[in-house]
Amino acid sequence: MPVYQLTDEVVFPRPSLARADGLLAVGGDLTRERLVLAYSNGIFPWYSEGEPILWWSPPVRPVVAPAEIHVGRSLAKALRRRPYELRFDTAFRQVIDACASVPRKGQDGTWITAAMREAYLDLHQAGLAHSAEAWKDGDLAGGLYGVALGGAFFGESMFARAPDASKIAFVVLCRHLAAWGFGLVDSQVTNEHTARFGTVEIPRGEFLARVRRELKKPTRGGPWTVDETLVP
């Protein structure tokens, strides 16, 4: 399969034309218009500093319905202790910077380039990208960010500086997403952090059909706030 070279025109090839590894296209830009079009078609950018922008649509996607996430016994116990103050959208820049800088096991460097940070900050300012944050004694202990369109939340990255901080932030976020009528959380690629929550891999065609259904719902703009009745 060829890899498509994007131009200044804000269009993408059909996701089904992606290579076997999911790489669909190269080039283009990270404007708000292009990113919204990408996510609406099950496509996301993922590349390293010094590379051209690479656009992906993997053949299978790990997803979970926010109302159906699995919470293990030890995490449920931690949730009940309420070790952190949970917030949404109060420190988006700090969250994305931490996701880019906190060391990760088995990873050297980050794919969250400076251009990516600015692009997602723009989406956040437009009310389309959101952060879920766990705070401890005035410090940001962990969190995650992603993009929300219609009833779909496209998770981007998470980090933790303290035990279970990002996991607790994710569980609380999913409780809110379920209450708000979201039907889909996309994890993009399978990893141990999201698999523990019961994500299921589905074929690209099924994923795109689910995204199309969720996009028929109104988009809940930001900033989001935490409803304490939804915090375990």
Protein backbone atom coordinates (compact mmCIF):
# COMPACT_ATOMS: atom_id res chain seq x y z
CA MET A 1 0.00 0.00 0.00
CA PRO A 2 1.27 3.53 -0.78
CA VAL A 3 1.55 6.21 1.89
CA TYR A 4 -0.32 9.32 0.81
CA GLN A 5 1.37 12.74 0.74
CA LEU A 6 -0.96 15.41 2.07
CA THR A 7 -1.10 18.92 0.62
CA ASP A 8 -2.48 22.19 1.98
CA GLU A 9 -5.98 20.98 1.13
CA VAL A 10 -7.67 19.70 4.28
CA VAL A 11 -8.57 16.19 3.14
CA PHE A 12 -7.52 12.64 3.98
CA PRO A 13 -7.54 9.41 1.98
CA ARG A 14 -9.97 6.72 3.11
CA PRO A 15 -8.75 5.00 6.29
CA SER A 16 -9.11 1.62 4.56
CA LEU A 17 -6.18 2.63 2.34
CA ALA A 18 -3.74 2.61 5.28
CA ARG A 19 -0.78 0.25 5.28
CA ALA A 20 -0.94 -2.93 7.33
CA ASP A 21 0.75 -1.15 10.25
CA GLY A 22 -1.86 1.62 10.14
CA LEU A 23 0.21 4.38 8.51
CA LEU A 24 -2.10 6.27 6.15
CA ALA A 25 -0.55 9.59 5.18
CA VAL A 26 2.36 11.95 5.70
CA GLY A 27 2.61 15.73 5.76
CA GLY A 28 -0.08 18.34 6.03
CA ASP A 29 -0.39 20.39 9.20
CA LEU A 30 -1.85 20.34 12.70
CA THR A 31 -4.50 23.00 12.28
CA ARG A 32 -7.71 22.71 14.26
CA GLU A 33 -9.67 22.04 11.07
CA ARG A 34 -7.43 19.17 10.00
CA LEU A 35 -7.29 17.58 13.46
CA VAL A 36 -11.08 17.63 13.82
CA LEU A 37 -11.42 16.06 10.36
CA ALA A 38 -8.82 13.44 11.27
CA TYR A 39 -10.47 12.35 14.52
CA SER A 40 -13.89 12.36 12.87
CA ASN A 41 -12.51 9.77 10.46
CA GLY A 42 -10.63 7.61 12.95
CA ILE A 43 -7.23 9.09 12.08
CA PHE A 44 -4.66 10.53 14.48
CA PRO A 45 -1.15 12.07 14.24
CA TRP A 46 1.78 10.25 15.81
CA TYR A 47 5.39 11.05 14.99
CA SER A 48 8.68 12.06 16.59
CA GLU A 49 10.57 15.35 16.59
CA GLY A 50 12.42 15.79 13.31
CA GLU A 51 10.00 13.59 11.36
CA PRO A 52 7.24 14.81 9.06
CA ILE A 53 3.73 14.54 10.48
CA LEU A 54 2.58 10.92 10.24
CA TRP A 55 -1.15 10.08 10.22
CA TRP A 56 -2.41 6.70 11.39
CA SER A 57 -5.54 4.58 11.19
CA PRO A 58 -4.66 1.16 12.66
CA PRO A 59 -6.49 -1.96 11.43
CA VAL A 60 -7.78 -2.62 14.96
CA ARG A 61 -8.61 -0.15 17.73
CA PRO A 62 -8.80 -0.70 21.51
CA VAL A 63 -12.01 0.90 22.77
CA VAL A 64 -14.23 0.83 25.81
CA ALA A 65 -17.67 2.19 26.61
CA PRO A 66 -17.14 4.59 29.54
CA ALA A 67 -20.02 3.03 31.45
CA GLU A 68 -18.39 -0.40 31.17
CA ILE A 69 -14.79 0.19 32.24
CA HIS A 70 -13.31 -2.45 34.48
CA VAL A 71 -12.03 -1.22 37.85
CA GLY A 72 -9.90 -3.78 39.69
CA ARG A 73 -10.25 -4.43 43.39
CA SER A 74 -7.11 -2.59 44.47
CA LEU A 75 -7.94 0.45 42.34
CA ALA A 76 -11.51 0.50 43.65
CA LYS A 77 -10.10 0.51 47.17
CA ALA A 78 -7.80 3.39 46.30
CA LEU A 79 -10.71 5.32 44.79
CA ARG A 80 -12.71 4.99 48.01
CA ARG A 81 -9.81 6.51 49.98
CA ARG A 82 -10.02 9.63 47.80
CA PRO A 83 -6.26 10.28 47.86
CA TYR A 84 -6.45 13.08 45.29
CA GLU A 85 -8.48 16.12 44.42
CA LEU A 86 -9.93 15.58 40.94
CA ARG A 87 -10.28 18.41 38.47
CA PHE A 88 -10.98 18.85 34.77
CA ASP A 89 -9.50 21.46 32.45
CA THR A 90 -7.70 23.55 35.07
CA ALA A 91 -4.14 22.79 33.97
CA PHE A 92 -4.23 21.50 30.41
CA ARG A 93 -0.79 22.85 29.52
CA GLN A 94 0.75 21.30 32.64
CA VAL A 95 -0.85 17.95 31.80
CA ILE A 96 0.37 17.83 28.22
CA ASP A 97 3.84 19.03 29.26
CA ALA A 98 3.99 16.30 31.91
CA CYS A 99 2.82 13.67 29.42
CA ALA A 100 5.72 14.74 27.20
CA SER A 101 8.37 14.83 29.91
CA VAL A 102 7.64 12.18 32.56
CA PRO A 103 9.88 9.14 31.87
CA ARG A 104 8.10 5.97 30.74
CA LYS A 105 9.32 2.42 31.05
CA GLY A 106 10.61 1.13 27.73
CA GLN A 107 10.38 4.51 25.99
CA ASP A 108 13.18 6.84 24.97
CA GLY A 109 11.92 10.34 24.27
CA THR A 110 8.43 11.47 23.40
CA TRP A 111 6.14 11.74 20.41
CA ILE A 112 4.47 14.85 21.89
CA THR A 113 6.45 17.40 19.93
CA ALA A 114 6.38 21.15 20.51
CA ALA A 115 4.09 21.52 17.49
CA MET A 116 1.74 18.86 18.89
CA ARG A 117 1.55 20.67 22.22
CA GLU A 118 0.57 23.93 20.58
CA ALA A 119 -1.97 22.22 18.34
CA TYR A 120 -3.73 20.52 21.24
CA LEU A 121 -3.61 23.69 23.32
CA ASP A 122 -5.50 25.32 20.45
CA LEU A 123 -8.06 22.49 20.52
CA HIS A 124 -8.35 22.97 24.28
CA GLN A 125 -8.97 26.68 23.87
CA ALA A 126 -11.68 25.78 21.36
CA GLY A 127 -13.32 23.53 23.98
CA LEU A 128 -12.52 20.30 22.14
CA ALA A 129 -9.51 18.95 24.05
CA HIS A 130 -9.73 18.24 27.76
CA SER A 131 -7.59 17.25 30.71
CA ALA A 132 -8.48 15.12 33.72
CA GLU A 133 -6.22 15.91 36.66
CA ALA A 134 -5.36 14.39 40.04
CA TRP A 135 -3.96 16.88 42.57
CA LYS A 136 -2.22 16.28 45.89
CA ASP A 137 -1.36 19.11 48.30
CA GLY A 138 -1.46 21.65 45.49
CA ASP A 139 0.74 19.62 43.13
CA LEU A 140 -0.31 17.90 39.92
CA ALA A 141 0.14 14.20 40.70
CA GLY A 142 -1.17 12.70 37.47
CA GLY A 143 -3.64 13.01 34.66
CA LEU A 144 -4.49 12.57 31.02
CA TYR A 145 -5.78 14.49 28.04
CA GLY A 146 -7.75 13.78 24.91
CA VAL A 147 -10.16 15.10 22.31
CA ALA A 148 -13.96 15.01 22.62
CA LEU A 149 -16.20 15.10 19.57
CA GLY A 150 -19.88 14.20 19.84
CA GLY A 151 -20.15 11.20 22.13
CA ALA A 152 -16.58 9.98 21.48
CA PHE A 153 -13.51 10.68 23.60
CA PHE A 154 -10.18 10.06 21.87
CA GLY A 155 -7.55 9.50 24.55
CA GLU A 156 -4.10 10.84 23.78
CA SER A 157 -1.71 10.36 26.70
CA MET A 158 -1.52 10.01 30.48
CA PHE A 159 1.12 10.39 33.17
CA ALA A 160 1.56 9.78 36.89
CA ARG A 161 3.95 11.11 39.48
CA ALA A 162 2.18 9.37 42.36
CA PRO A 163 0.54 5.93 42.84
CA ASP A 164 -2.64 5.39 40.82
CA ALA A 165 -2.98 9.11 40.05
CA SER A 166 -3.62 8.79 36.31
CA LYS A 167 -5.76 5.68 36.77
CA ILE A 168 -8.02 7.42 39.28
CA ALA A 169 -8.29 10.46 37.00
CA PHE A 170 -9.29 8.17 34.13
CA VAL A 171 -11.95 6.33 36.14
CA VAL A 172 -13.49 9.59 37.33
CA LEU A 173 -13.41 10.95 33.78
CA CYS A 174 -15.20 7.84 32.49
CA ARG A 175 -17.90 8.19 35.14
CA HIS A 176 -18.56 11.69 33.86
CA LEU A 177 -18.43 10.65 30.21
CA ALA A 178 -21.01 7.94 30.89
CA ALA A 179 -23.27 10.41 32.69
CA TRP A 180 -22.94 12.85 29.80
CA GLY A 181 -23.98 10.26 27.21
CA PHE A 182 -20.60 9.40 25.70
CA GLY A 183 -20.56 5.93 24.20
CA LEU A 184 -16.94 5.46 23.21
CA VAL A 185 -13.42 5.97 24.55
CA ASP A 186 -10.67 5.32 21.99
CA SER A 187 -7.22 4.29 23.25
CA GLN A 188 -5.62 4.39 19.76
CA VAL A 189 -3.11 1.60 20.44
CA THR A 190 -3.19 -1.26 22.91
CA ASN A 191 -1.00 -0.91 25.99
CA GLU A 192 -0.96 -2.25 29.53
CA HIS A 193 -2.25 0.99 31.01
CA THR A 194 -5.54 0.98 29.08
CA ALA A 195 -5.95 -2.81 28.79
CA ARG A 196 -6.49 -3.06 32.55
CA PHE A 197 -9.71 -1.08 32.11
CA GLY A 198 -11.26 -3.67 29.83
CA THR A 199 -10.58 -2.21 26.41
CA VAL A 200 -11.62 -4.43 23.51
CA GLU A 201 -9.92 -4.44 20.12
CA ILE A 202 -12.36 -4.00 17.24
CA PRO A 203 -11.75 -3.88 13.46
CA ARG A 204 -11.29 -0.52 11.81
CA GLY A 205 -14.62 -0.70 9.97
CA GLU A 206 -16.55 -1.34 13.18
CA PHE A 207 -14.65 1.41 14.93
CA LEU A 208 -15.46 3.93 12.20
CA ALA A 209 -19.14 2.96 12.28
CA ARG A 210 -19.21 3.53 16.04
CA VAL A 211 -17.46 6.88 15.66
CA ARG A 212 -20.01 7.97 13.06
CA ARG A 213 -22.85 7.11 15.46
CA GLU A 214 -21.22 9.01 18.31
CA LEU A 215 -20.60 12.06 16.14
CA LYS A 216 -24.35 12.46 15.70
CA LYS A 217 -24.51 13.51 19.34
CA PRO A 218 -23.83 17.14 20.28
CA THR A 219 -20.28 17.96 21.30
CA ARG A 220 -19.93 18.96 24.95
CA GLY A 221 -17.67 22.00 24.82
CA GLY A 222 -15.27 23.05 27.52
CA PRO A 223 -14.18 23.85 30.05
CA TRP A 224 -15.48 20.78 31.87
CA THR A 225 -15.95 20.69 35.63
CA VAL A 226 -16.07 17.79 38.10
CA ASP A 227 -19.43 16.80 39.54
CA GLU A 228 -18.61 15.57 43.06
CA THR A 229 -21.61 13.22 42.98
CA LEU A 230 -19.79 11.29 40.24
CA VAL A 231 -16.57 10.87 42.21
CA PRO A 232 -16.54 7.44 43.93
